[in-house]
Amino acid sequence: MKLTEHFTLEEMTRSAKASAMGIANNPNEEQTENLKALCENVLEPLRNHLGRAVVINSGFRCRKLNDAVKGARNSQHMRGEAADIRVGSKKEVMEIMHFIMTECSFDQLIWEKSARSQWVHVSYSRTAKNRQCVLTLNLN
């Protein structure tokens, strides 16, 4: 099912961990509408700006999957309001974050990094005020 021109429900729910553990990671109607709003308001504009694919590491997570990946208890991923974007370099992080900060409404924008990897977490709420909160999180 297409959520927007370049994003599908399948890619926003895909999880190697869920597959390996036999977890059905299926959003309900409200969570699907939230994913669609995230794609329409942040991910699709970002993709159009970059002119290339935006790869999602993690989108929707059911509670069981969120627990399995040790996600936050109140993670916006469980509501379909958040996605983690794969990034390769600090330059790419800066380009993505700058675009989202200046061109999109968003709730949280977090550069998450560990010794082995980094990604950009972005969330959008269609039912609450988007806080425009920007953070860097070191996971080491």
Protein backbone atom coordinates (compact mmCIF):
# COMPACT_ATOMS: atom_id res chain seq x y z
CA MET A 1 0.00 0.00 0.00
CA LYS A 2 1.38 3.39 -1.01
CA LEU A 3 1.39 6.07 1.67
CA THR A 4 2.89 8.69 -0.65
CA GLU A 5 4.58 8.67 -4.05
CA HIS A 6 7.87 7.27 -2.70
CA PHE A 7 6.92 5.56 0.58
CA THR A 8 4.95 2.37 1.17
CA LEU A 9 3.37 0.87 4.25
CA GLU A 10 5.61 -2.18 3.75
CA GLU A 11 8.84 -0.20 4.07
CA MET A 12 7.50 1.75 7.05
CA THR A 13 6.74 -1.52 8.90
CA ARG A 14 9.66 -3.68 7.70
CA SER A 15 11.82 -5.11 10.46
CA ALA A 16 14.47 -7.84 10.34
CA LYS A 17 14.04 -8.30 14.09
CA ALA A 18 10.27 -8.78 13.74
CA SER A 19 10.80 -11.30 10.94
CA ALA A 20 13.43 -13.22 12.90
CA MET A 21 11.22 -13.33 16.00
CA GLY A 22 7.95 -14.04 14.18
CA ILE A 23 6.40 -10.76 15.32
CA ALA A 24 3.46 -9.44 13.27
CA ASN A 25 4.32 -5.76 13.01
CA ASN A 26 1.01 -4.50 11.63
CA PRO A 27 -0.34 -1.02 12.38
CA ASN A 28 -4.01 -0.35 12.93
CA GLU A 29 -5.93 2.29 10.94
CA GLU A 30 -4.97 5.21 13.19
CA GLN A 31 -1.28 4.20 13.21
CA THR A 32 -1.37 3.89 9.41
CA GLU A 33 -2.85 7.39 9.13
CA ASN A 34 -0.06 8.65 11.38
CA LEU A 35 2.55 6.99 9.14
CA LYS A 36 0.93 8.60 6.10
CA ALA A 37 1.06 12.04 7.77
CA LEU A 38 4.76 11.53 8.66
CA CYS A 39 5.50 10.63 5.05
CA GLU A 40 3.45 13.51 3.60
CA ASN A 41 4.81 16.19 5.91
CA VAL A 42 8.45 15.19 6.39
CA LEU A 43 9.75 12.18 4.49
CA GLU A 44 8.34 12.94 1.03
CA PRO A 45 9.47 16.61 1.10
CA LEU A 46 12.92 15.42 2.26
CA ARG A 47 13.10 12.84 -0.54
CA ASN A 48 12.11 15.45 -3.12
CA HIS A 49 14.72 17.87 -1.77
CA LEU A 50 17.51 15.27 -1.83
CA GLY A 51 16.51 13.89 -5.23
CA ARG A 52 17.29 10.34 -4.07
CA ALA A 53 15.86 7.59 -1.92
CA VAL A 54 15.46 8.09 1.82
CA VAL A 55 16.11 4.71 3.46
CA ILE A 56 14.10 3.94 6.58
CA ASN A 57 15.86 1.79 9.21
CA SER A 58 12.85 1.69 11.50
CA GLY A 59 9.34 3.07 11.14
CA PHE A 60 6.30 1.64 12.88
CA ARG A 61 6.91 -0.74 15.77
CA CYS A 62 4.21 -2.71 17.55
CA ARG A 63 4.68 -2.92 21.33
CA LYS A 64 6.21 -6.40 21.15
CA LEU A 65 8.77 -5.28 18.56
CA ASN A 66 9.50 -2.07 20.45
CA ASP A 67 10.20 -4.13 23.59
CA ALA A 68 12.42 -6.51 21.59
CA VAL A 69 14.59 -3.65 20.29
CA LYS A 70 14.62 -1.99 23.73
CA GLY A 71 12.80 1.10 22.44
CA ALA A 72 11.51 3.80 24.76
CA ARG A 73 8.36 2.83 26.69
CA ASN A 74 6.41 5.67 25.09
CA SER A 75 8.14 5.57 21.70
CA GLN A 76 6.44 7.49 18.92
CA HIS A 77 7.37 4.56 16.67
CA MET A 78 4.51 2.63 18.35
CA ARG A 79 2.01 5.31 17.30
CA GLY A 80 3.30 5.42 13.72
CA GLU A 81 4.64 8.92 14.28
CA ALA A 82 8.39 8.28 13.92
CA ALA A 83 11.02 6.96 11.54
CA ASP A 84 14.76 6.43 11.74
CA ILE A 85 16.56 7.46 8.54
CA ARG A 86 19.75 5.66 7.48
CA VAL A 87 22.67 8.04 7.00
CA GLY A 88 26.26 7.47 6.00
CA SER A 89 28.19 10.60 6.84
CA LYS A 90 28.08 13.61 9.12
CA LYS A 91 27.62 15.78 6.02
CA GLU A 92 24.49 13.78 5.11
CA VAL A 93 23.18 14.12 8.69
CA MET A 94 23.66 17.89 8.55
CA GLU A 95 21.92 18.19 5.16
CA ILE A 96 18.92 16.13 6.32
CA MET A 97 18.61 17.90 9.65
CA HIS A 98 18.97 21.37 8.14
CA PHE A 99 16.26 20.69 5.57
CA ILE A 100 13.82 19.27 8.11
CA MET A 101 14.50 22.12 10.60
CA THR A 102 13.98 24.84 8.03
CA GLU A 103 11.31 23.38 5.74
CA CYS A 104 9.14 20.96 7.73
CA SER A 105 6.91 20.83 10.74
CA PHE A 106 8.14 18.06 13.07
CA ASP A 107 7.89 16.97 16.66
CA GLN A 108 11.37 15.60 17.34
CA LEU A 109 14.51 15.55 15.23
CA ILE A 110 17.35 13.58 16.81
CA TRP A 111 20.82 12.76 15.51
CA GLU A 112 21.44 9.42 17.21
CA LYS A 113 24.95 8.03 17.10
CA SER A 114 26.92 5.18 18.57
CA ALA A 115 30.44 3.87 18.04
CA ARG A 116 29.21 1.70 15.14
CA SER A 117 26.39 3.63 13.48
CA GLN A 118 24.33 6.79 13.25
CA TRP A 119 20.86 7.70 12.08
CA VAL A 120 18.38 10.57 12.11
CA HIS A 121 15.17 10.02 14.08
CA VAL A 122 12.27 12.23 13.04
CA SER A 123 8.72 12.33 14.34
CA TYR A 124 5.55 14.14 13.34
CA SER A 125 2.19 14.29 15.10
CA ARG A 126 -1.03 14.88 13.20
CA THR A 127 -3.07 15.19 16.42
CA ALA A 128 -0.84 17.22 18.76
CA LYS A 129 1.28 20.35 18.51
CA ASN A 130 4.63 19.56 16.90
CA ARG A 131 7.32 20.80 19.29
CA GLN A 132 10.19 21.35 16.80
CA CYS A 133 12.56 19.71 19.33
CA VAL A 134 16.12 19.11 18.06
CA LEU A 135 18.58 16.88 19.94
CA THR A 136 21.80 14.91 19.59
CA LEU A 137 21.95 11.60 21.41
CA ASN A 138 25.24 9.76 21.99
CA LEU A 139 24.52 6.08 22.62
CA ASN A 140 28.07 5.03 23.58
